[in-house]
Amino acid sequence: MRFARSMSSVSPILHYALDGDGPRSLTSAVQERIRADILATRLLPGQKLHIAGLAKQFSVSLAAVREALSRLVADGLVQAADQRGFRVSRCHCRISPTSPDRVSRSKA
């Protein structure tokens, strides 16, 4: 019971990471939340992504956010610029009808 009480004060992203159906690491949970925000256009193409702001929003470390953003760069959803940080890629993104996990991208 003591564990249940302490979990109530934990951030929602940690609950998501601990969920049996969700990702296993905080970095993966942050990555999936940012991916969802991009695909739902809550984060707009070209928008600068502030690492400190995202870390505070998700109650995770700066390193977890940096790693999540780096993974999204590899997926093509985020662009990294030396000494300038990260931005949402300028592309039209949509879910492929054949698979909800596949993203098709076309440059606008």
Protein backbone atom coordinates (compact mmCIF):
# COMPACT_ATOMS: atom_id res chain seq x y z
CA MET A 1 0.00 0.00 0.00
CA ARG A 2 2.90 2.33 0.68
CA PHE A 3 3.98 2.00 -2.97
CA ALA A 4 0.50 2.95 -4.22
CA ARG A 5 0.48 6.14 -2.16
CA SER A 6 3.92 7.20 -3.41
CA MET A 7 2.90 6.56 -7.05
CA SER A 8 0.16 9.20 -6.82
CA SER A 9 2.78 11.96 -6.72
CA VAL A 10 4.72 10.61 -9.72
CA SER A 11 4.56 12.39 -13.08
CA PRO A 12 2.11 11.10 -15.71
CA ILE A 13 4.99 10.28 -18.07
CA LEU A 14 6.41 7.89 -15.48
CA HIS A 15 3.01 6.22 -15.12
CA TYR A 16 3.02 5.80 -18.92
CA ALA A 17 6.54 4.32 -18.84
CA LEU A 18 5.51 1.87 -16.12
CA ASP A 19 2.28 0.88 -17.86
CA GLY A 20 2.38 -2.68 -19.13
CA ASP A 21 1.21 -1.60 -22.58
CA GLY A 22 3.53 1.40 -22.91
CA PRO A 23 7.25 1.84 -23.49
CA ARG A 24 9.66 0.54 -20.86
CA SER A 25 11.97 3.57 -20.47
CA LEU A 26 11.33 7.23 -19.72
CA THR A 27 13.15 8.15 -22.92
CA SER A 28 10.78 5.94 -24.94
CA ALA A 29 7.77 7.42 -23.17
CA VAL A 30 8.94 10.98 -23.90
CA GLN A 31 9.67 10.00 -27.50
CA GLU A 32 6.16 8.62 -27.96
CA ARG A 33 4.52 11.67 -26.37
CA ILE A 34 6.49 14.08 -28.59
CA ARG A 35 5.75 11.91 -31.65
CA ALA A 36 2.04 12.01 -30.81
CA ASP A 37 2.16 15.81 -30.37
CA ILE A 38 3.86 16.20 -33.77
CA LEU A 39 1.42 13.91 -35.57
CA ALA A 40 -1.55 15.63 -33.92
CA THR A 41 -0.05 19.03 -34.94
CA ARG A 42 0.15 20.20 -31.33
CA LEU A 43 3.78 20.85 -32.29
CA LEU A 44 3.87 22.64 -35.63
CA PRO A 45 6.33 22.16 -38.52
CA GLY A 46 9.36 24.38 -38.00
CA GLN A 47 8.59 24.94 -34.31
CA LYS A 48 11.64 25.07 -32.06
CA LEU A 49 11.70 22.38 -29.40
CA HIS A 50 13.06 23.65 -26.10
CA ILE A 51 14.74 20.83 -24.21
CA ALA A 52 14.37 22.46 -20.80
CA GLY A 53 10.69 23.20 -21.39
CA LEU A 54 9.96 19.65 -22.51
CA ALA A 55 11.91 18.23 -19.54
CA LYS A 56 9.83 20.35 -17.16
CA GLN A 57 6.56 19.48 -18.95
CA PHE A 58 7.25 15.74 -18.70
CA SER A 59 9.07 15.89 -15.33
CA VAL A 60 12.12 14.08 -16.71
CA SER A 61 15.81 14.87 -17.09
CA LEU A 62 17.32 16.93 -19.89
CA ALA A 63 19.20 13.82 -21.02
CA ALA A 64 15.96 11.84 -21.48
CA VAL A 65 14.52 14.63 -23.67
CA ARG A 66 17.75 14.95 -25.71
CA GLU A 67 17.82 11.22 -26.35
CA ALA A 68 14.13 11.18 -27.31
CA LEU A 69 14.66 14.06 -29.74
CA SER A 70 17.70 12.34 -31.24
CA ARG A 71 15.60 9.24 -31.87
CA LEU A 72 12.93 11.40 -33.54
CA VAL A 73 15.66 12.90 -35.77
CA ALA A 74 16.41 9.36 -36.96
CA ASP A 75 12.67 8.94 -37.69
CA GLY A 76 12.62 12.18 -39.70
CA LEU A 77 10.06 13.92 -37.49
CA VAL A 78 12.59 16.30 -35.90
CA GLN A 79 15.60 18.15 -37.31
CA ALA A 80 18.76 18.91 -35.38
CA ALA A 81 20.96 21.93 -36.12
CA ASP A 82 24.43 22.31 -34.65
CA GLN A 83 24.40 24.82 -31.80
CA ARG A 84 20.76 25.66 -32.58
CA GLY A 85 18.86 22.79 -31.03
CA PHE A 86 15.92 20.88 -32.41
CA ARG A 87 12.93 21.79 -34.58
CA VAL A 88 9.89 19.89 -35.81
CA SER A 89 10.59 18.83 -39.41
CA ARG A 90 8.84 20.78 -42.11
CA CYS A 91 6.93 17.93 -43.68
CA HIS A 92 3.44 16.70 -44.10
CA CYS A 93 3.03 13.68 -41.85
CA ARG A 94 0.17 11.24 -41.84
CA ILE A 95 -0.48 7.75 -40.58
CA SER A 96 -0.35 5.13 -43.31
CA PRO A 97 -3.69 3.34 -43.74
CA THR A 98 -1.94 -0.05 -43.85
CA SER A 99 -0.37 0.27 -40.42
CA PRO A 100 -1.08 2.69 -37.55
CA ASP A 101 2.59 2.53 -36.55
CA ARG A 102 3.95 3.57 -39.95
CA VAL A 103 4.37 7.22 -40.80
CA SER A 104 4.66 8.45 -44.36
CA ARG A 105 6.35 11.77 -44.95
CA SER A 106 6.46 14.07 -47.94
CA LYS A 107 8.36 17.34 -48.05
CA ALA A 108 6.10 20.35 -48.37
